[in-house]
Amino acid sequence: MLSIDFLDDVRRMNKRQLYYQVLNFGMIVSSALMIWKGLMVVTGSESPIVVVLSGSMEPAFHRGDLLFLTNRVEDPIRVGEIVVFRIEGREIPIVHRVLKIHEKENGDIKFLTKGDNNAGVSALFVPYIGIVTILMNDYPKFKYAVLFLLGLFVLVHRE
């Protein structure tokens, strides 16, 4: 069992080794956070990297592909470009191509989008695609448990 083996490994460590392991884990986590925040600043996007969760954009993008996003205000979105957006109340990003741009007189801009592999215009949202990502978004405790187990794995298997 993982927890018993882990506790035995911790008991065998002296304080200096334990502090060293905790410090290494902290360095790994802080480095990942700094890289993520740096990408946010450089790209101007709150999610600089997105995983494609559905096959709606095939053959351009397949499930599991990583997209690196930018959000430049000075470069307006045009018809034919691929955009990533979120529907209110959902954390899952949607990747679609812009079909039409509707601009109102008051300056309000709306986009009509469609996945390349979809039969018609997107009218409905399919919420459960990509089970692990959905579980991590819908259940934050599950996400923290996975991150904890990954950190535990790094600490235990470090040489």
N, C-alpha and C. Protein backbone atom coordinates (compact mmCIF):
# COMPACT_ATOMS: atom_id res chain seq x y z
N MET A 1 0.85 -1.18 0.00
CA MET A 1 0.00 0.00 0.00
C MET A 1 0.89 1.25 0.00
N LEU A 2 0.50 2.24 -0.74
CA LEU A 2 1.32 3.44 -0.92
C LEU A 2 1.53 4.20 0.38
N SER A 3 0.50 4.37 1.18
CA SER A 3 0.62 5.19 2.38
C SER A 3 1.54 4.55 3.41
N ILE A 4 1.52 3.22 3.54
CA ILE A 4 2.39 2.54 4.50
C ILE A 4 3.84 2.65 4.05
N ASP A 5 4.10 2.42 2.76
CA ASP A 5 5.45 2.55 2.23
C ASP A 5 5.96 3.98 2.39
N PHE A 6 5.10 4.94 2.14
CA PHE A 6 5.49 6.34 2.27
C PHE A 6 5.86 6.67 3.72
N LEU A 7 5.04 6.22 4.66
CA LEU A 7 5.31 6.49 6.07
C LEU A 7 6.61 5.83 6.51
N ASP A 8 6.90 4.62 6.00
CA ASP A 8 8.17 3.97 6.33
C ASP A 8 9.35 4.77 5.78
N ASP A 9 9.21 5.27 4.56
CA ASP A 9 10.28 6.09 3.97
C ASP A 9 10.50 7.37 4.77
N VAL A 10 9.42 7.99 5.21
CA VAL A 10 9.53 9.23 5.99
C VAL A 10 10.20 8.95 7.33
N ARG A 11 9.84 7.84 7.97
CA ARG A 11 10.45 7.50 9.27
C ARG A 11 11.95 7.25 9.14
N ARG A 12 12.38 6.69 8.01
CA ARG A 12 13.80 6.40 7.82
C ARG A 12 14.62 7.66 7.54
N MET A 13 13.97 8.71 7.08
CA MET A 13 14.69 9.96 6.77
C MET A 13 15.03 10.70 8.06
N ASN A 14 16.22 11.32 8.04
CA ASN A 14 16.49 12.22 9.16
C ASN A 14 15.86 13.57 8.84
N LYS A 15 15.88 14.49 9.78
CA LYS A 15 15.19 15.78 9.59
C LYS A 15 15.74 16.54 8.40
N ARG A 16 17.04 16.48 8.21
CA ARG A 16 17.65 17.22 7.11
C ARG A 16 17.15 16.70 5.75
N GLN A 17 17.07 15.38 5.59
CA GLN A 17 16.56 14.81 4.34
C GLN A 17 15.10 15.18 4.13
N LEU A 18 14.31 15.15 5.20
CA LEU A 18 12.90 15.49 5.10
C LEU A 18 12.73 16.95 4.68
N TYR A 19 13.49 17.85 5.31
CA TYR A 19 13.42 19.27 4.93
C TYR A 19 13.84 19.45 3.48
N TYR A 20 14.87 18.71 3.06
CA TYR A 20 15.35 18.79 1.68
C TYR A 20 14.25 18.36 0.70
N GLN A 21 13.55 17.28 1.01
CA GLN A 21 12.47 16.79 0.14
C GLN A 21 11.32 17.80 0.07
N VAL A 22 10.95 18.36 1.21
CA VAL A 22 9.87 19.36 1.24
C VAL A 22 10.29 20.60 0.46
N LEU A 23 11.53 21.02 0.61
CA LEU A 23 12.04 22.18 -0.13
C LEU A 23 12.05 21.91 -1.63
N ASN A 24 12.47 20.72 -2.04
CA ASN A 24 12.46 20.37 -3.47
C ASN A 24 11.05 20.38 -4.03
N PHE A 25 10.11 19.83 -3.29
CA PHE A 25 8.72 19.82 -3.74
C PHE A 25 8.20 21.26 -3.87
N GLY A 26 8.52 22.11 -2.89
CA GLY A 26 8.12 23.51 -2.95
C GLY A 26 8.72 24.23 -4.15
N MET A 27 9.97 23.91 -4.47
CA MET A 27 10.63 24.53 -5.63
C MET A 27 9.96 24.10 -6.93
N ILE A 28 9.57 22.83 -7.02
CA ILE A 28 8.90 22.34 -8.23
C ILE A 28 7.57 23.05 -8.41
N VAL A 29 6.79 23.14 -7.34
CA VAL A 29 5.47 23.78 -7.42
C VAL A 29 5.62 25.27 -7.74
N SER A 30 6.54 25.95 -7.06
CA SER A 30 6.70 27.39 -7.31
C SER A 30 7.24 27.66 -8.72
N SER A 31 8.11 26.80 -9.23
CA SER A 31 8.61 26.97 -10.60
C SER A 31 7.48 26.82 -11.61
N ALA A 32 6.63 25.82 -11.40
CA ALA A 32 5.49 25.62 -12.31
C ALA A 32 4.56 26.83 -12.28
N LEU A 33 4.29 27.36 -11.09
CA LEU A 33 3.42 28.54 -10.98
C LEU A 33 4.05 29.77 -11.64
N MET A 34 5.36 29.95 -11.48
CA MET A 34 6.02 31.10 -12.10
C MET A 34 6.00 30.99 -13.63
N ILE A 35 6.21 29.78 -14.15
CA ILE A 35 6.15 29.59 -15.60
C ILE A 35 4.75 29.90 -16.11
N TRP A 36 3.73 29.40 -15.40
CA TRP A 36 2.33 29.64 -15.81
C TRP A 36 2.01 31.13 -15.78
N LYS A 37 2.37 31.82 -14.70
CA LYS A 37 2.10 33.26 -14.61
C LYS A 37 2.87 34.04 -15.67
N GLY A 38 4.10 33.62 -15.95
CA GLY A 38 4.88 34.26 -17.01
C GLY A 38 4.21 34.11 -18.37
N LEU A 39 3.70 32.92 -18.65
CA LEU A 39 2.97 32.71 -19.91
C LEU A 39 1.72 33.57 -19.97
N MET A 40 1.04 33.74 -18.83
CA MET A 40 -0.15 34.60 -18.79
C MET A 40 0.20 36.03 -19.16
N VAL A 41 1.31 36.52 -18.65
CA VAL A 41 1.73 37.90 -18.94
C VAL A 41 2.14 38.05 -20.40
N VAL A 42 2.93 37.11 -20.91
CA VAL A 42 3.43 37.20 -22.28
C VAL A 42 2.30 37.09 -23.30
N THR A 43 1.35 36.17 -23.08
CA THR A 43 0.28 35.95 -24.06
C THR A 43 -0.92 36.86 -23.86
N GLY A 44 -1.07 37.45 -22.67
CA GLY A 44 -2.23 38.28 -22.39
C GLY A 44 -3.50 37.47 -22.21
N SER A 45 -3.36 36.19 -21.91
CA SER A 45 -4.51 35.30 -21.78
C SER A 45 -4.52 34.68 -20.39
N GLU A 46 -5.72 34.55 -19.80
CA GLU A 46 -5.79 33.93 -18.47
C GLU A 46 -5.55 32.43 -18.54
N SER A 47 -5.70 31.84 -19.72
CA SER A 47 -5.38 30.42 -19.95
C SER A 47 -4.48 30.33 -21.17
N PRO A 48 -3.16 30.47 -20.99
CA PRO A 48 -2.28 30.49 -22.15
C PRO A 48 -2.15 29.14 -22.86
N ILE A 49 -2.46 28.05 -22.17
CA ILE A 49 -2.40 26.72 -22.77
C ILE A 49 -3.72 26.02 -22.52
N VAL A 50 -4.32 25.47 -23.58
CA VAL A 50 -5.61 24.79 -23.47
C VAL A 50 -5.50 23.44 -24.16
N VAL A 51 -6.15 22.43 -23.59
CA VAL A 51 -6.20 21.10 -24.19
C VAL A 51 -7.52 20.97 -24.95
N VAL A 52 -7.46 20.49 -26.18
CA VAL A 52 -8.67 20.26 -26.97
C VAL A 52 -9.38 19.04 -26.38
N LEU A 53 -10.65 19.22 -26.01
CA LEU A 53 -11.38 18.17 -25.32
C LEU A 53 -12.35 17.40 -26.20
N SER A 54 -12.62 17.88 -27.40
CA SER A 54 -13.58 17.18 -28.26
C SER A 54 -13.03 17.08 -29.68
N GLY A 55 -13.75 16.35 -30.50
CA GLY A 55 -13.35 16.20 -31.89
C GLY A 55 -14.04 17.17 -32.81
N SER A 56 -14.61 18.25 -32.26
CA SER A 56 -15.39 19.18 -33.08
C SER A 56 -14.54 19.96 -34.09
N MET A 57 -13.24 20.05 -33.88
CA MET A 57 -12.39 20.80 -34.80
C MET A 57 -11.51 19.90 -35.67
N GLU A 58 -11.80 18.60 -35.69
CA GLU A 58 -11.02 17.71 -36.56
C GLU A 58 -11.30 18.04 -38.01
N PRO A 59 -10.38 17.98 -38.91
CA PRO A 59 -9.03 17.45 -38.82
C PRO A 59 -7.98 18.48 -38.38
N ALA A 60 -8.37 19.73 -38.14
CA ALA A 60 -7.40 20.75 -37.74
C ALA A 60 -6.79 20.43 -36.37
N PHE A 61 -7.63 20.13 -35.39
CA PHE A 61 -7.18 19.79 -34.04
C PHE A 61 -7.87 18.52 -33.59
N HIS A 62 -7.11 17.65 -32.97
CA HIS A 62 -7.64 16.39 -32.46
C HIS A 62 -7.72 16.45 -30.94
N ARG A 63 -8.50 15.55 -30.34
CA ARG A 63 -8.60 15.47 -28.88
C ARG A 63 -7.22 15.29 -28.29
N GLY A 64 -6.95 16.06 -27.24
CA GLY A 64 -5.66 15.97 -26.57
C GLY A 64 -4.61 16.93 -27.09
N ASP A 65 -4.85 17.59 -28.22
CA ASP A 65 -3.89 18.57 -28.74
C ASP A 65 -3.78 19.75 -27.78
N LEU A 66 -2.58 20.31 -27.67
CA LEU A 66 -2.35 21.50 -26.86
C LEU A 66 -2.40 22.73 -27.75
N LEU A 67 -3.13 23.74 -27.31
CA LEU A 67 -3.19 25.01 -28.03
C LEU A 67 -2.54 26.09 -27.18
N PHE A 68 -1.66 26.87 -27.77
CA PHE A 68 -1.04 28.01 -27.11
C PHE A 68 -1.80 29.25 -27.56
N LEU A 69 -2.42 29.95 -26.63
CA LEU A 69 -3.32 31.05 -26.95
C LEU A 69 -2.66 32.40 -26.75
N THR A 70 -3.11 33.38 -27.53
CA THR A 70 -2.74 34.78 -27.32
C THR A 70 -4.02 35.60 -27.30
N ASN A 71 -3.94 36.75 -26.69
CA ASN A 71 -5.11 37.63 -26.60
C ASN A 71 -4.65 39.06 -26.84
N ARG A 72 -4.46 39.40 -28.10
CA ARG A 72 -4.01 40.74 -28.45
C ARG A 72 -5.21 41.61 -28.80
N VAL A 73 -5.40 42.67 -28.04
CA VAL A 73 -6.54 43.57 -28.27
C VAL A 73 -6.38 44.32 -29.58
N GLU A 74 -5.15 44.65 -29.96
CA GLU A 74 -4.93 45.43 -31.17
C GLU A 74 -5.15 44.62 -32.45
N ASP A 75 -5.25 43.30 -32.35
CA ASP A 75 -5.46 42.44 -33.51
C ASP A 75 -6.89 41.88 -33.45
N PRO A 76 -7.84 42.50 -34.17
CA PRO A 76 -9.24 42.07 -34.07
C PRO A 76 -9.47 40.68 -34.65
N ILE A 77 -10.49 40.01 -34.16
CA ILE A 77 -10.86 38.68 -34.64
C ILE A 77 -11.59 38.83 -35.97
N ARG A 78 -11.21 38.00 -36.95
CA ARG A 78 -11.82 38.04 -38.28
C ARG A 78 -12.52 36.71 -38.57
N VAL A 79 -13.41 36.73 -39.55
CA VAL A 79 -14.11 35.52 -39.99
C VAL A 79 -13.08 34.51 -40.48
N GLY A 80 -13.24 33.26 -40.06
CA GLY A 80 -12.32 32.20 -40.46
C GLY A 80 -11.27 31.88 -39.42
N GLU A 81 -11.06 32.78 -38.46
CA GLU A 81 -10.08 32.52 -37.42
C GLU A 81 -10.64 31.55 -36.38
N ILE A 82 -9.75 30.87 -35.71
CA ILE A 82 -10.14 29.92 -34.66
C ILE A 82 -10.04 30.63 -33.32
N VAL A 83 -11.12 30.52 -32.53
CA VAL A 83 -11.18 31.17 -31.23
C VAL A 83 -11.45 30.12 -30.15
N VAL A 84 -11.04 30.45 -28.93
CA VAL A 84 -11.32 29.62 -27.76
C VAL A 84 -12.12 30.48 -26.80
N PHE A 85 -13.26 29.95 -26.33
CA PHE A 85 -14.10 30.72 -25.42
C PHE A 85 -14.74 29.79 -24.41
N ARG A 86 -15.31 30.40 -23.38
CA ARG A 86 -16.02 29.64 -22.35
C ARG A 86 -17.45 30.12 -22.27
N ILE A 87 -18.34 29.19 -22.02
CA ILE A 87 -19.74 29.53 -21.79
C ILE A 87 -19.91 29.80 -20.31
N GLU A 88 -20.69 30.81 -19.98
CA GLU A 88 -20.90 31.20 -18.59
C GLU A 88 -21.40 30.02 -17.76
N GLY A 89 -20.76 29.80 -16.63
CA GLY A 89 -21.13 28.70 -15.75
C GLY A 89 -20.38 27.41 -16.02
N ARG A 90 -19.58 27.37 -17.06
CA ARG A 90 -18.79 26.18 -17.40
C ARG A 90 -17.32 26.54 -17.48
N GLU A 91 -16.48 25.64 -17.03
CA GLU A 91 -15.04 25.88 -17.06
C GLU A 91 -14.36 25.28 -18.28
N ILE A 92 -15.13 24.54 -19.09
CA ILE A 92 -14.55 23.84 -20.23
C ILE A 92 -14.41 24.79 -21.41
N PRO A 93 -13.19 24.95 -21.94
CA PRO A 93 -13.02 25.83 -23.11
C PRO A 93 -13.55 25.18 -24.38
N ILE A 94 -14.12 26.00 -25.25
CA ILE A 94 -14.65 25.53 -26.53
C ILE A 94 -13.77 26.12 -27.64
N VAL A 95 -13.34 25.27 -28.56
CA VAL A 95 -12.50 25.68 -29.69
C VAL A 95 -13.36 25.60 -30.94
N HIS A 96 -13.61 26.75 -31.59
CA HIS A 96 -14.44 26.80 -32.80
C HIS A 96 -13.88 27.83 -33.78
N ARG A 97 -14.38 27.77 -35.01
CA ARG A 97 -14.01 28.74 -36.04
C ARG A 97 -15.11 29.80 -36.14
N VAL A 98 -14.72 31.05 -36.34
CA VAL A 98 -15.69 32.15 -36.47
C VAL A 98 -16.31 32.12 -37.86
N LEU A 99 -17.66 32.05 -37.91
CA LEU A 99 -18.38 32.06 -39.19
C LEU A 99 -18.86 33.45 -39.56
N LYS A 100 -19.41 34.17 -38.58
CA LYS A 100 -19.92 35.52 -38.81
C LYS A 100 -19.62 36.38 -37.60
N ILE A 101 -19.49 37.67 -37.87
CA ILE A 101 -19.31 38.65 -36.79
C ILE A 101 -20.50 39.59 -36.84
N HIS A 102 -21.20 39.68 -35.72
CA HIS A 102 -22.36 40.58 -35.62
C HIS A 102 -21.96 41.76 -34.73
N GLU A 103 -21.91 42.95 -35.35
CA GLU A 103 -21.54 44.14 -34.59
C GLU A 103 -22.74 45.08 -34.54
N LYS A 104 -23.13 45.44 -33.32
CA LYS A 104 -24.27 46.34 -33.14
C LYS A 104 -23.79 47.79 -33.14
N GLU A 105 -24.73 48.71 -33.26
CA GLU A 105 -24.39 50.13 -33.30
C GLU A 105 -23.78 50.61 -31.99
N ASN A 106 -24.14 49.97 -30.88
CA ASN A 106 -23.59 50.39 -29.58
C ASN A 106 -22.18 49.85 -29.34
N GLY A 107 -21.61 49.15 -30.32
CA GLY A 107 -20.25 48.64 -30.19
C GLY A 107 -20.18 47.21 -29.68
N ASP A 108 -21.32 46.62 -29.36
CA ASP A 108 -21.37 45.23 -28.90
C ASP A 108 -21.02 44.31 -30.07
N ILE A 109 -20.09 43.39 -29.85
CA ILE A 109 -19.68 42.45 -30.90
C ILE A 109 -19.99 41.04 -30.44
N LYS A 110 -20.63 40.26 -31.32
CA LYS A 110 -20.90 38.85 -31.04
C LYS A 110 -20.44 38.03 -32.23
N PHE A 111 -20.01 36.80 -31.94
CA PHE A 111 -19.47 35.92 -32.97
C PHE A 111 -20.36 34.68 -33.11
N LEU A 112 -20.61 34.29 -34.34
CA LEU A 112 -21.27 33.02 -34.63
C LEU A 112 -20.15 32.04 -34.95
N THR A 113 -20.07 30.95 -34.19
CA THR A 113 -18.97 30.00 -34.34
C THR A 113 -19.49 28.60 -34.65
N LYS A 114 -18.57 27.77 -35.14
CA LYS A 114 -18.91 26.39 -35.45
C LYS A 114 -17.63 25.57 -35.45
N GLY A 115 -17.72 24.35 -34.93
CA GLY A 115 -16.60 23.42 -35.03
C GLY A 115 -16.51 22.89 -36.45
N ASP A 116 -15.30 22.71 -36.97
CA ASP A 116 -15.11 22.25 -38.35
C ASP A 116 -15.77 20.89 -38.60
N ASN A 117 -15.83 20.05 -37.57
CA ASN A 117 -16.36 18.70 -37.71
C ASN A 117 -17.84 18.62 -37.33
N ASN A 118 -18.46 19.73 -36.94
CA ASN A 118 -19.87 19.74 -36.57
C ASN A 118 -20.75 19.90 -37.81
N ALA A 119 -21.93 19.27 -37.78
CA ALA A 119 -22.83 19.31 -38.94
C ALA A 119 -23.47 20.68 -39.13
N GLY A 120 -23.83 21.36 -38.04
CA GLY A 120 -24.52 22.64 -38.15
C GLY A 120 -23.88 23.68 -37.27
N VAL A 121 -24.54 24.82 -37.15
CA VAL A 121 -24.06 25.90 -36.30
C VAL A 121 -24.22 25.47 -34.85
N SER A 122 -23.28 25.84 -34.00
CA SER A 122 -23.33 25.45 -32.59
C SER A 122 -24.48 26.14 -31.89
N ALA A 123 -25.43 25.36 -31.46
CA ALA A 123 -26.56 25.90 -30.72
C ALA A 123 -26.58 25.37 -29.30
N LEU A 124 -26.03 24.19 -29.10
CA LEU A 124 -26.02 23.56 -27.78
C LEU A 124 -24.59 23.29 -27.35
N PHE A 125 -24.42 23.13 -26.05
CA PHE A 125 -23.11 22.86 -25.48
C PHE A 125 -23.12 21.47 -24.87
N VAL A 126 -22.18 20.63 -25.26
CA VAL A 126 -22.06 19.29 -24.69
C VAL A 126 -21.06 19.36 -23.55
N PRO A 127 -21.52 19.23 -22.28
CA PRO A 127 -20.63 19.49 -21.16
C PRO A 127 -19.65 18.38 -20.81
N TYR A 128 -19.94 17.13 -21.09
CA TYR A 128 -19.08 16.06 -20.59
C TYR A 128 -18.28 15.39 -21.69
N ILE A 129 -17.13 16.02 -22.00
CA ILE A 129 -16.17 15.49 -22.95
C ILE A 129 -14.81 15.56 -22.26
N GLY A 130 -14.06 14.50 -22.27
CA GLY A 130 -12.77 14.50 -21.61
C GLY A 130 -12.94 14.30 -20.12
N ILE A 131 -13.18 13.08 -19.69
CA ILE A 131 -13.62 12.76 -18.34
C ILE A 131 -12.67 13.28 -17.26
N VAL A 132 -11.36 13.06 -17.38
CA VAL A 132 -10.45 13.46 -16.31
C VAL A 132 -10.45 14.97 -16.13
N THR A 133 -10.40 15.72 -17.22
CA THR A 133 -10.42 17.18 -17.12
C THR A 133 -11.73 17.66 -16.53
N ILE A 134 -12.83 17.04 -16.92
CA ILE A 134 -14.13 17.42 -16.39
C ILE A 134 -14.18 17.15 -14.90
N LEU A 135 -13.73 15.97 -14.49
CA LEU A 135 -13.72 15.64 -13.06
C LEU A 135 -12.90 16.65 -12.28
N MET A 136 -11.75 17.04 -12.83
CA MET A 136 -10.89 17.98 -12.12
C MET A 136 -11.53 19.37 -12.05
N ASN A 137 -12.31 19.74 -13.05
CA ASN A 137 -12.98 21.04 -13.02
C ASN A 137 -14.24 21.02 -12.17
N ASP A 138 -15.00 19.94 -12.24
CA ASP A 138 -16.26 19.86 -11.50
C ASP A 138 -16.06 19.57 -10.02
N TYR A 139 -14.98 18.87 -9.68
CA TYR A 139 -14.73 18.47 -8.30
C TYR A 139 -13.33 18.93 -7.88
N PRO A 140 -13.22 20.13 -7.32
CA PRO A 140 -11.90 20.65 -6.95
C PRO A 140 -11.15 19.74 -5.97
N LYS A 141 -11.87 19.05 -5.10
CA LYS A 141 -11.20 18.14 -4.15
C LYS A 141 -10.50 17.01 -4.90
N PHE A 142 -11.10 16.55 -5.98
CA PHE A 142 -10.46 15.52 -6.81
C PHE A 142 -9.16 16.06 -7.41
N LYS A 143 -9.20 17.32 -7.89
CA LYS A 143 -8.01 17.93 -8.47
C LYS A 143 -6.90 18.03 -7.43
N TYR A 144 -7.23 18.47 -6.21
CA TYR A 144 -6.23 18.58 -5.16
C TYR A 144 -5.70 17.22 -4.75
N ALA A 145 -6.54 16.19 -4.76
CA ALA A 145 -6.09 14.84 -4.42
C ALA A 145 -5.10 14.34 -5.47
N VAL A 146 -5.38 14.59 -6.74
CA VAL A 146 -4.46 14.17 -7.81
C VAL A 146 -3.14 14.91 -7.68
N LEU A 147 -3.19 16.22 -7.44
CA LEU A 147 -1.95 16.99 -7.28
C LEU A 147 -1.16 16.53 -6.06
N PHE A 148 -1.87 16.21 -4.96
CA PHE A 148 -1.20 15.71 -3.76
C PHE A 148 -0.51 14.38 -4.05
N LEU A 149 -1.20 13.47 -4.73
CA LEU A 149 -0.61 12.17 -5.05
C LEU A 149 0.59 12.31 -5.98
N LEU A 150 0.52 13.24 -6.93
CA LEU A 150 1.68 13.48 -7.81
C LEU A 150 2.86 14.02 -7.01
N GLY A 151 2.60 14.95 -6.11
CA GLY A 151 3.66 15.48 -5.26
C GLY A 151 4.25 14.41 -4.36
N LEU A 152 3.39 13.57 -3.82
CA LEU A 152 3.82 12.46 -2.97
C LEU A 152 4.70 11.51 -3.77
N PHE A 153 4.31 11.23 -4.98
CA PHE A 153 5.08 10.36 -5.86
C PHE A 153 6.47 10.94 -6.11
N VAL A 154 6.54 12.25 -6.34
CA VAL A 154 7.83 12.91 -6.58
C VAL A 154 8.71 12.80 -5.34
N LEU A 155 8.14 13.03 -4.17
CA LEU A 155 8.92 12.96 -2.93
C LEU A 155 9.43 11.55 -2.65
N VAL A 156 8.60 10.56 -2.85
CA VAL A 156 8.97 9.18 -2.51
C VAL A 156 9.98 8.61 -3.50
N HIS A 157 9.84 8.94 -4.77
CA HIS A 157 10.70 8.34 -5.78
C HIS A 157 11.89 9.20 -6.17
N ARG A 158 12.19 10.18 -5.39
CA ARG A 158 13.35 11.04 -5.66
C ARG A 158 14.60 10.34 -5.15
N GLU A 159 15.66 10.39 -5.93
CA GLU A 159 16.91 9.75 -5.51
C GLU A 159 17.85 10.74 -4.91
